[in-house]
Amino acid sequence: MTQMMKDILKLSVPERILIVEAIWDSIADKEDKLEVSEDTKVLLDERIEYHLNKPDEGSSWEDVKARIRKQL
C-alpha cells in the first residue's frame, strides 16, 4: 500500500467520500476521451445478446438491491 493510500485511509469517511467524488468528477469531465477496449466491447455485446435471448433470466435491480441490503 502506498503512503498516499495510508494517508487517505486516516481521513474520516465523509472526507474520503469527498475525495472519491472529486476523483469521479475529474474522470467524468474526460469521459469523451475514455476508450473501451475491444475485449470489453465483445463482452458487453455477448451479455446483451444473452439477455435478448433469455430476458427472464437474472434478477431485477430491485431484487439485487434487496439482497445487498440484507448483507449490510
C-alpha atoms as a PDB file:
ATOM      1  CA  MET A   1       0.000   0.000   0.000  1.00  0.00           C
ATOM      2  CA  THR A   2       1.374   3.394  -0.928  1.00  0.00           C
ATOM      3  CA  GLN A   3       1.898   6.177   1.584  1.00  0.00           C
ATOM      4  CA  MET A   4      -0.812   8.191  -0.177  1.00  0.00           C
ATOM      5  CA  MET A   5      -3.320   5.390   0.404  1.00  0.00           C
ATOM      6  CA  LYS A   6      -2.310   5.098   4.050  1.00  0.00           C
ATOM      7  CA  ASP A   7      -2.834   8.854   4.461  1.00  0.00           C
ATOM      8  CA  ILE A   8      -6.215   8.719   2.735  1.00  0.00           C
ATOM      9  CA  LEU A   9      -7.383   5.875   4.975  1.00  0.00           C
ATOM     10  CA  LYS A  10      -6.606   8.013   8.020  1.00  0.00           C
ATOM     11  CA  LEU A  11      -9.253  10.516   6.909  1.00  0.00           C
ATOM     12  CA  SER A  12     -12.836  10.336   8.113  1.00  0.00           C
ATOM     13  CA  VAL A  13     -15.423   8.627   5.928  1.00  0.00           C
ATOM     14  CA  PRO A  14     -17.018  11.963   4.900  1.00  0.00           C
ATOM     15  CA  GLU A  15     -13.591  13.293   3.887  1.00  0.00           C
ATOM     16  CA  ARG A  16     -12.865  10.158   1.856  1.00  0.00           C
ATOM     17  CA  ILE A  17     -16.258  10.434   0.154  1.00  0.00           C
ATOM     18  CA  LEU A  18     -15.407  13.992  -0.877  1.00  0.00           C
ATOM     19  CA  ILE A  19     -12.145  12.762  -2.377  1.00  0.00           C
ATOM     20  CA  VAL A  20     -13.941   9.997  -4.268  1.00  0.00           C
ATOM     21  CA  GLU A  21     -16.485  12.493  -5.596  1.00  0.00           C
ATOM     22  CA  ALA A  22     -13.707  14.832  -6.728  1.00  0.00           C
ATOM     23  CA  ILE A  23     -11.884  11.996  -8.466  1.00  0.00           C
ATOM     24  CA  TRP A  24     -15.093  10.774 -10.116  1.00  0.00           C
ATOM     25  CA  ASP A  25     -15.940  14.285 -11.320  1.00  0.00           C
ATOM     26  CA  SER A  26     -12.459  14.655 -12.804  1.00  0.00           C
ATOM     27  CA  ILE A  27     -12.954  11.383 -14.702  1.00  0.00           C
ATOM     28  CA  ALA A  28     -16.479  12.265 -15.832  1.00  0.00           C
ATOM     29  CA  ASP A  29     -15.182  15.545 -17.247  1.00  0.00           C
ATOM     30  CA  LYS A  30     -12.947  13.490 -19.545  1.00  0.00           C
ATOM     31  CA  GLU A  31     -15.477  10.804 -20.499  1.00  0.00           C
ATOM     32  CA  ASP A  32     -15.234  11.602 -24.197  1.00  0.00           C
ATOM     33  CA  LYS A  33     -11.562  10.651 -24.005  1.00  0.00           C
ATOM     34  CA  LEU A  34     -12.127   7.265 -22.354  1.00  0.00           C
ATOM     35  CA  GLU A  35     -11.613   4.297 -24.632  1.00  0.00           C
ATOM     36  CA  VAL A  36     -13.322   0.964 -24.178  1.00  0.00           C
ATOM     37  CA  SER A  37     -11.131  -1.984 -25.103  1.00  0.00           C
ATOM     38  CA  GLU A  38     -12.199  -4.376 -27.848  1.00  0.00           C
ATOM     39  CA  ASP A  39     -12.336  -7.199 -25.273  1.00  0.00           C
ATOM     40  CA  THR A  40     -14.770  -5.175 -23.178  1.00  0.00           C
ATOM     41  CA  LYS A  41     -16.905  -4.348 -26.225  1.00  0.00           C
ATOM     42  CA  VAL A  42     -17.074  -8.040 -27.149  1.00  0.00           C
ATOM     43  CA  LEU A  43     -18.015  -8.993 -23.584  1.00  0.00           C
ATOM     44  CA  LEU A  44     -20.758  -6.354 -23.462  1.00  0.00           C
ATOM     45  CA  ASP A  45     -22.125  -7.475 -26.834  1.00  0.00           C
ATOM     46  CA  GLU A  46     -22.186 -11.097 -25.606  1.00  0.00           C
ATOM     47  CA  ARG A  47     -24.059 -10.118 -22.455  1.00  0.00           C
ATOM     48  CA  ILE A  48     -26.583  -8.042 -24.377  1.00  0.00           C
ATOM     49  CA  GLU A  49     -27.167 -10.920 -26.822  1.00  0.00           C
ATOM     50  CA  TYR A  50     -27.587 -13.366 -23.932  1.00  0.00           C
ATOM     51  CA  HIS A  51     -30.115 -11.078 -22.259  1.00  0.00           C
ATOM     52  CA  LEU A  52     -32.051 -10.609 -25.502  1.00  0.00           C
ATOM     53  CA  ASN A  53     -32.261 -14.389 -25.926  1.00  0.00           C
ATOM     54  CA  LYS A  54     -33.161 -15.088 -22.271  1.00  0.00           C
ATOM     55  CA  PRO A  55     -34.797 -11.942 -20.861  1.00  0.00           C
ATOM     56  CA  ASP A  56     -36.410 -13.790 -17.939  1.00  0.00           C
ATOM     57  CA  GLU A  57     -33.088 -14.983 -16.504  1.00  0.00           C
ATOM     58  CA  GLY A  58     -31.255 -12.966 -13.915  1.00  0.00           C
ATOM     59  CA  SER A  59     -32.547 -10.647 -11.231  1.00  0.00           C
ATOM     60  CA  SER A  60     -34.271  -7.304 -11.292  1.00  0.00           C
ATOM     61  CA  TRP A  61     -32.434  -4.282  -9.932  1.00  0.00           C
ATOM     62  CA  GLU A  62     -34.892  -4.203  -7.017  1.00  0.00           C
ATOM     63  CA  ASP A  63     -34.061  -7.828  -6.107  1.00  0.00           C
ATOM     64  CA  VAL A  64     -30.327  -7.159  -6.334  1.00  0.00           C
ATOM     65  CA  LYS A  65     -30.609  -4.092  -4.080  1.00  0.00           C
ATOM     66  CA  ALA A  66     -32.675  -6.056  -1.563  1.00  0.00           C
ATOM     67  CA  ARG A  67     -30.061  -8.851  -1.408  1.00  0.00           C
ATOM     68  CA  ILE A  68     -27.244  -6.340  -0.947  1.00  0.00           C
ATOM     69  CA  ARG A  69     -29.119  -4.515   1.805  1.00  0.00           C
ATOM     70  CA  LYS A  70     -29.712  -7.794   3.658  1.00  0.00           C
ATOM     71  CA  GLN A  71     -25.940  -8.355   3.720  1.00  0.00           C
ATOM     72  CA  LEU A  72     -25.192  -4.956   5.250  1.00  0.00           C
END
